[in-house]
C-alpha atoms as a PDB file:
ATOM      1  CA  UNK A   1      -2.801  -3.455 -22.381  1.00  0.00           C
ATOM      2  CA  UNK A   2      -3.875  -7.092 -22.120  1.00  0.00           C
ATOM      3  CA  UNK A   3      -0.225  -8.162 -22.180  1.00  0.00           C
ATOM      4  CA  UNK A   4       0.572  -5.695 -19.402  1.00  0.00           C
ATOM      5  CA  UNK A   5      -2.247  -7.108 -17.276  1.00  0.00           C
ATOM      6  CA  UNK A   6      -1.116 -10.674 -17.980  1.00  0.00           C
ATOM      7  CA  UNK A   7       2.435  -9.723 -17.027  1.00  0.00           C
ATOM      8  CA  UNK A   8       1.259  -8.304 -13.715  1.00  0.00           C
ATOM      9  CA  UNK A   9      -0.816 -11.397 -12.898  1.00  0.00           C
ATOM     10  CA  UNK A  10       1.841 -13.927 -13.869  1.00  0.00           C
ATOM     11  CA  UNK A  11       4.775 -11.829 -12.654  1.00  0.00           C
ATOM     12  CA  UNK A  12       3.375 -11.635  -9.135  1.00  0.00           C
ATOM     13  CA  UNK A  13       3.103 -15.411  -8.864  1.00  0.00           C
ATOM     14  CA  UNK A  14       6.777 -16.128  -9.533  1.00  0.00           C
ATOM     15  CA  UNK A  15       9.388 -16.162  -6.814  1.00  0.00           C
ATOM     16  CA  UNK A  16       8.689 -13.436  -4.231  1.00  0.00           C
ATOM     17  CA  UNK A  17       5.073 -12.208  -4.578  1.00  0.00           C
ATOM     18  CA  UNK A  18       4.421  -8.476  -4.311  1.00  0.00           C
ATOM     19  CA  UNK A  19       1.233  -8.954  -2.273  1.00  0.00           C
ATOM     20  CA  UNK A  20       1.524 -10.545   1.110  1.00  0.00           C
ATOM     21  CA  UNK A  21      -1.184 -11.948   3.282  1.00  0.00           C
ATOM     22  CA  UNK A  22      -2.871  -9.899   5.943  1.00  0.00           C
ATOM     23  CA  UNK A  23      -1.891 -11.206   9.321  1.00  0.00           C
ATOM     24  CA  UNK A  24      -3.477 -10.929  12.706  1.00  0.00           C
ATOM     25  CA  UNK A  25      -1.427  -8.336  14.506  1.00  0.00           C
ATOM     26  CA  UNK A  26      -1.825  -5.361  16.763  1.00  0.00           C
ATOM     27  CA  UNK A  27      -0.300  -3.132  14.085  1.00  0.00           C
ATOM     28  CA  UNK A  28      -3.415  -0.927  13.766  1.00  0.00           C
ATOM     29  CA  UNK A  29      -5.686  -2.521  16.364  1.00  0.00           C
ATOM     30  CA  UNK A  30      -6.126  -0.147  19.294  1.00  0.00           C
ATOM     31  CA  UNK A  31      -4.189   2.697  17.670  1.00  0.00           C
ATOM     32  CA  UNK A  32      -6.305   5.854  17.963  1.00  0.00           C
ATOM     33  CA  UNK A  33      -4.979   7.771  14.980  1.00  0.00           C
ATOM     34  CA  UNK A  34      -7.683  10.426  15.259  1.00  0.00           C
ATOM     35  CA  UNK A  35      -6.026  11.859  18.376  1.00  0.00           C
ATOM     36  CA  UNK A  36      -2.425  11.632  17.136  1.00  0.00           C
ATOM     37  CA  UNK A  37      -0.262  13.815  14.888  1.00  0.00           C
ATOM     38  CA  UNK A  38       1.535  12.145  11.964  1.00  0.00           C
ATOM     39  CA  UNK A  39       4.951  12.497  13.636  1.00  0.00           C
ATOM     40  CA  UNK A  40       3.582  10.710  16.749  1.00  0.00           C
ATOM     41  CA  UNK A  41       2.213   7.874  14.613  1.00  0.00           C
ATOM     42  CA  UNK A  42       5.502   7.500  12.731  1.00  0.00           C
ATOM     43  CA  UNK A  43       7.394   7.454  16.050  1.00  0.00           C
ATOM     44  CA  UNK A  44       5.030   4.674  17.222  1.00  0.00           C
ATOM     45  CA  UNK A  45       6.024   2.520  14.230  1.00  0.00           C
ATOM     46  CA  UNK A  46       9.777   3.251  14.259  1.00  0.00           C
ATOM     47  CA  UNK A  47      10.369   0.459  16.802  1.00  0.00           C
ATOM     48  CA  UNK A  48       8.007  -2.046  15.173  1.00  0.00           C
ATOM     49  CA  UNK A  49       9.576  -5.236  13.789  1.00  0.00           C
ATOM     50  CA  UNK A  50       8.299  -5.324  10.205  1.00  0.00           C
ATOM     51  CA  UNK A  51      10.024  -8.645   9.495  1.00  0.00           C
ATOM     52  CA  UNK A  52       6.887 -10.385  10.855  1.00  0.00           C
ATOM     53  CA  UNK A  53       4.824  -9.261   7.867  1.00  0.00           C
ATOM     54  CA  UNK A  54       5.164 -12.320   5.633  1.00  0.00           C
ATOM     55  CA  UNK A  55       2.934 -14.843   3.836  1.00  0.00           C
ATOM     56  CA  UNK A  56       0.907 -15.106   0.632  1.00  0.00           C
ATOM     57  CA  UNK A  57      -2.440 -13.372   0.169  1.00  0.00           C
ATOM     58  CA  UNK A  58      -4.374 -15.082  -2.616  1.00  0.00           C
ATOM     59  CA  UNK A  59      -7.505 -12.923  -2.814  1.00  0.00           C
ATOM     60  CA  UNK A  60      -5.979  -9.786  -4.369  1.00  0.00           C
ATOM     61  CA  UNK A  61      -6.347  -8.382  -7.879  1.00  0.00           C
ATOM     62  CA  UNK A  62      -3.628  -6.164  -9.393  1.00  0.00           C
ATOM     63  CA  UNK A  63      -4.199  -3.936 -12.439  1.00  0.00           C
ATOM     64  CA  UNK A  64      -1.927  -1.256 -13.864  1.00  0.00           C
ATOM     65  CA  UNK A  65      -3.555   1.735 -15.541  1.00  0.00           C
ATOM     66  CA  UNK A  66      -0.488   2.316 -17.711  1.00  0.00           C
ATOM     67  CA  UNK A  67       2.438   0.277 -18.927  1.00  0.00           C
ATOM     68  CA  UNK A  68       5.193   2.688 -17.837  1.00  0.00           C
ATOM     69  CA  UNK A  69       5.998   0.511 -14.801  1.00  0.00           C
ATOM     70  CA  UNK A  70       5.934  -2.694 -16.854  1.00  0.00           C
ATOM     71  CA  UNK A  71       8.410  -1.624 -19.503  1.00  0.00           C
ATOM     72  CA  UNK A  72      11.378  -3.851 -20.369  1.00  0.00           C
ATOM     73  CA  UNK A  73      13.617  -0.786 -20.587  1.00  0.00           C
ATOM     74  CA  UNK A  74      16.229  -0.552 -17.836  1.00  0.00           C
ATOM     75  CA  UNK A  75      15.145   1.866 -15.127  1.00  0.00           C
ATOM     76  CA  UNK A  76      17.475   4.837 -14.601  1.00  0.00           C
ATOM     77  CA  UNK A  77      17.574   6.090 -11.042  1.00  0.00           C
ATOM     78  CA  UNK A  78      17.855   9.843 -10.974  1.00  0.00           C
ATOM     79  CA  UNK A  79      18.429  10.160  -7.232  1.00  0.00           C
ATOM     80  CA  UNK A  80      15.606  12.633  -7.186  1.00  0.00           C
ATOM     81  CA  UNK A  81      12.830  13.252  -4.711  1.00  0.00           C
ATOM     82  CA  UNK A  82       9.281  14.017  -5.716  1.00  0.00           C
ATOM     83  CA  UNK A  83       5.666  13.492  -4.731  1.00  0.00           C
ATOM     84  CA  UNK A  84       3.755  10.255  -5.262  1.00  0.00           C
ATOM     85  CA  UNK A  85       0.164   9.675  -4.200  1.00  0.00           C
ATOM     86  CA  UNK A  86      -2.216   7.102  -2.823  1.00  0.00           C
ATOM     87  CA  UNK A  87      -5.937   6.630  -3.239  1.00  0.00           C
ATOM     88  CA  UNK A  88      -8.081   4.178  -1.271  1.00  0.00           C
ATOM     89  CA  UNK A  89     -11.591   3.132  -2.243  1.00  0.00           C
ATOM     90  CA  UNK A  90     -13.988   1.311   0.054  1.00  0.00           C
ATOM     91  CA  UNK A  91     -15.648  -1.531  -1.861  1.00  0.00           C
ATOM     92  CA  UNK A  92     -17.764  -3.098   0.890  1.00  0.00           C
ATOM     93  CA  UNK A  93     -17.911  -3.496   4.649  1.00  0.00           C
ATOM     94  CA  UNK A  94     -18.574  -1.237   7.607  1.00  0.00           C
ATOM     95  CA  UNK A  95     -15.208   0.555   7.908  1.00  0.00           C
ATOM     96  CA  UNK A  96     -15.307   4.349   8.139  1.00  0.00           C
ATOM     97  CA  UNK A  97     -11.560   4.973   8.095  1.00  0.00           C
ATOM     98  CA  UNK A  98      -8.408   3.378   6.722  1.00  0.00           C
ATOM     99  CA  UNK A  99      -4.746   3.902   7.533  1.00  0.00           C
ATOM    100  CA  UNK A 100      -1.774   3.385   5.250  1.00  0.00           C
ATOM    101  CA  UNK A 101       1.744   3.218   6.620  1.00  0.00           C
ATOM    102  CA  UNK A 102       4.396   3.930   3.958  1.00  0.00           C
ATOM    103  CA  UNK A 103       7.765   2.283   4.608  1.00  0.00           C
ATOM    104  CA  UNK A 104      10.966   3.222   2.798  1.00  0.00           C
ATOM    105  CA  UNK A 105      13.174   0.212   1.976  1.00  0.00           C
ATOM    106  CA  UNK A 106      10.824  -1.983   4.028  1.00  0.00           C
ATOM    107  CA  UNK A 107      11.837  -0.691   7.445  1.00  0.00           C
ATOM    108  CA  UNK A 108      11.701   3.092   7.795  1.00  0.00           C
ATOM    109  CA  UNK A 109       8.225   4.619   8.246  1.00  0.00           C
ATOM    110  CA  UNK A 110       8.061   7.830   6.215  1.00  0.00           C
ATOM    111  CA  UNK A 111       4.337   8.629   5.995  1.00  0.00           C
ATOM    112  CA  UNK A 112       1.048   7.733   7.628  1.00  0.00           C
ATOM    113  CA  UNK A 113      -1.996   8.420   5.484  1.00  0.00           C
ATOM    114  CA  UNK A 114      -5.600   8.463   6.737  1.00  0.00           C
ATOM    115  CA  UNK A 115      -8.297   7.715   4.193  1.00  0.00           C
ATOM    116  CA  UNK A 116     -12.092   7.831   4.419  1.00  0.00           C
ATOM    117  CA  UNK A 117     -12.657   5.304   1.641  1.00  0.00           C
ATOM    118  CA  UNK A 118     -13.947   7.992  -0.724  1.00  0.00           C
ATOM    119  CA  UNK A 119     -12.216   7.386  -4.092  1.00  0.00           C
ATOM    120  CA  UNK A 120     -11.877  11.114  -4.774  1.00  0.00           C
ATOM    121  CA  UNK A 121      -9.541  11.514  -1.774  1.00  0.00           C
ATOM    122  CA  UNK A 122      -5.900  11.564  -2.902  1.00  0.00           C
ATOM    123  CA  UNK A 123      -3.073  11.904  -0.370  1.00  0.00           C
ATOM    124  CA  UNK A 124       0.530  12.706  -1.246  1.00  0.00           C
ATOM    125  CA  UNK A 125       3.848  11.613   0.238  1.00  0.00           C
ATOM    126  CA  UNK A 126       7.488  12.255  -0.696  1.00  0.00           C
ATOM    127  CA  UNK A 127       9.561   9.529  -2.326  1.00  0.00           C
ATOM    128  CA  UNK A 128      13.128   9.041  -3.532  1.00  0.00           C
ATOM    129  CA  UNK A 129      13.165   7.171  -6.829  1.00  0.00           C
ATOM    130  CA  UNK A 130      16.293   5.190  -5.885  1.00  0.00           C
ATOM    131  CA  UNK A 131      14.481   3.405  -3.034  1.00  0.00           C
ATOM    132  CA  UNK A 132      11.692   0.848  -2.742  1.00  0.00           C
ATOM    133  CA  UNK A 133       8.499   1.261  -0.746  1.00  0.00           C
ATOM    134  CA  UNK A 134       6.086  -0.954   1.161  1.00  0.00           C
ATOM    135  CA  UNK A 135       2.494  -0.089   2.038  1.00  0.00           C
ATOM    136  CA  UNK A 136       0.738  -1.566   5.066  1.00  0.00           C
ATOM    137  CA  UNK A 137      -3.007  -0.949   4.860  1.00  0.00           C
ATOM    138  CA  UNK A 138      -5.500  -1.432   7.674  1.00  0.00           C
ATOM    139  CA  UNK A 139      -8.888  -0.354   8.930  1.00  0.00           C
ATOM    140  CA  UNK A 140      -8.505   2.440  11.487  1.00  0.00           C
ATOM    141  CA  UNK A 141     -12.156   2.992  12.431  1.00  0.00           C
ATOM    142  CA  UNK A 142     -15.293   0.912  12.191  1.00  0.00           C
ATOM    143  CA  UNK A 143     -14.826  -2.284  10.311  1.00  0.00           C
ATOM    144  CA  UNK A 144     -16.121  -5.788  10.573  1.00  0.00           C
ATOM    145  CA  UNK A 145     -14.987  -9.294   9.811  1.00  0.00           C
ATOM    146  CA  UNK A 146     -15.009  -8.869   6.019  1.00  0.00           C
ATOM    147  CA  UNK A 147     -13.755  -5.574   4.585  1.00  0.00           C
ATOM    148  CA  UNK A 148     -13.085  -5.096   0.875  1.00  0.00           C
ATOM    149  CA  UNK A 149     -11.108  -2.133  -0.484  1.00  0.00           C
ATOM    150  CA  UNK A 150      -8.690  -1.124  -3.205  1.00  0.00           C
ATOM    151  CA  UNK A 151      -5.526   0.950  -2.946  1.00  0.00           C
ATOM    152  CA  UNK A 152      -3.929   2.809  -5.877  1.00  0.00           C
ATOM    153  CA  UNK A 153      -0.215   3.554  -5.887  1.00  0.00           C
ATOM    154  CA  UNK A 154      -0.059   6.655  -8.100  1.00  0.00           C
ATOM    155  CA  UNK A 155       3.340   7.346  -9.632  1.00  0.00           C
ATOM    156  CA  UNK A 156       4.679  10.869 -10.336  1.00  0.00           C
ATOM    157  CA  UNK A 157       4.024  10.214 -14.045  1.00  0.00           C
ATOM    158  CA  UNK A 158       0.299   9.896 -13.262  1.00  0.00           C
ATOM    159  CA  UNK A 159       0.126   6.161 -13.978  1.00  0.00           C
ATOM    160  CA  UNK A 160      -1.302   4.018 -11.220  1.00  0.00           C
ATOM    161  CA  UNK A 161      -1.363   0.407 -10.109  1.00  0.00           C
ATOM    162  CA  UNK A 162      -4.422  -0.778  -8.194  1.00  0.00           C
ATOM    163  CA  UNK A 163      -4.441  -3.488  -5.549  1.00  0.00           C
ATOM    164  CA  UNK A 164      -7.784  -4.973  -4.462  1.00  0.00           C
ATOM    165  CA  UNK A 165      -8.064  -6.590  -1.029  1.00  0.00           C
ATOM    166  CA  UNK A 166     -10.982  -8.861  -0.150  1.00  0.00           C
ATOM    167  CA  UNK A 167     -12.146 -10.291   3.175  1.00  0.00           C
ATOM    168  CA  UNK A 168      -9.868  -8.340   5.520  1.00  0.00           C
ATOM    169  CA  UNK A 169     -10.959  -9.111   9.100  1.00  0.00           C
ATOM    170  CA  UNK A 170     -10.672  -5.739  10.852  1.00  0.00           C
ATOM    171  CA  UNK A 171     -11.999  -7.177  14.118  1.00  0.00           C
ATOM    172  CA  UNK A 172      -8.845  -9.265  14.526  1.00  0.00           C
ATOM    173  CA  UNK A 173      -6.440  -6.618  13.234  1.00  0.00           C
ATOM    174  CA  UNK A 174      -5.770  -8.107   9.791  1.00  0.00           C
ATOM    175  CA  UNK A 175      -4.171  -5.804   7.255  1.00  0.00           C
ATOM    176  CA  UNK A 176      -3.033  -5.844   3.646  1.00  0.00           C
ATOM    177  CA  UNK A 177       0.529  -5.324   2.530  1.00  0.00           C
ATOM    178  CA  UNK A 178       2.110  -4.285  -0.766  1.00  0.00           C
ATOM    179  CA  UNK A 179       5.883  -4.742  -0.859  1.00  0.00           C
ATOM    180  CA  UNK A 180       8.946  -3.804  -2.903  1.00  0.00           C
ATOM    181  CA  UNK A 181       7.416  -1.080  -5.062  1.00  0.00           C
ATOM    182  CA  UNK A 182      10.440   0.375  -6.842  1.00  0.00           C
ATOM    183  CA  UNK A 183       9.027   1.673 -10.115  1.00  0.00           C
ATOM    184  CA  UNK A 184       8.852   5.333  -9.101  1.00  0.00           C
ATOM    185  CA  UNK A 185      10.690   7.655 -11.482  1.00  0.00           C
ATOM    186  CA  UNK A 186      10.871  11.313 -10.518  1.00  0.00           C
ATOM    187  CA  UNK A 187      10.668  13.821 -13.370  1.00  0.00           C
END
């Protein structure tokens, strides 16, 4: 397990990092998700230019709860669809709601998940194991200048990878981003 953790820490620092810096943006700022249906929210983001979401975010911790995504075996794409899940845990701050936008292949919004920050809340979304996914995570209600939270990407196998975000400034619209997750394998 220690080797898997070391691989995750050192692997993310080489070339193109998985975690990117939160940026000031109006991505979630001013978006009243409580009065919108998911299809309306996804339509809102369909015309958003996601190419602006780039830079390095240094204050993130990444831990995998299993080594099935860190294996050296070649991954076989089954061209299957299945359910994956997300879980968000509030660590500190004043936020009362969080939003996660799931993007397929970095550009197509496929799901919008609303979390309370309670770690027992698990929300599901459909994935295709031949594609990669990005997750844009922001505070949707409440929130101050220093919000800390973790987000778990839960694979269909039950294994999960956790991403911890520290010091997100919700008052200026900062958000966290996880990119190029392609280790989903549908049963």
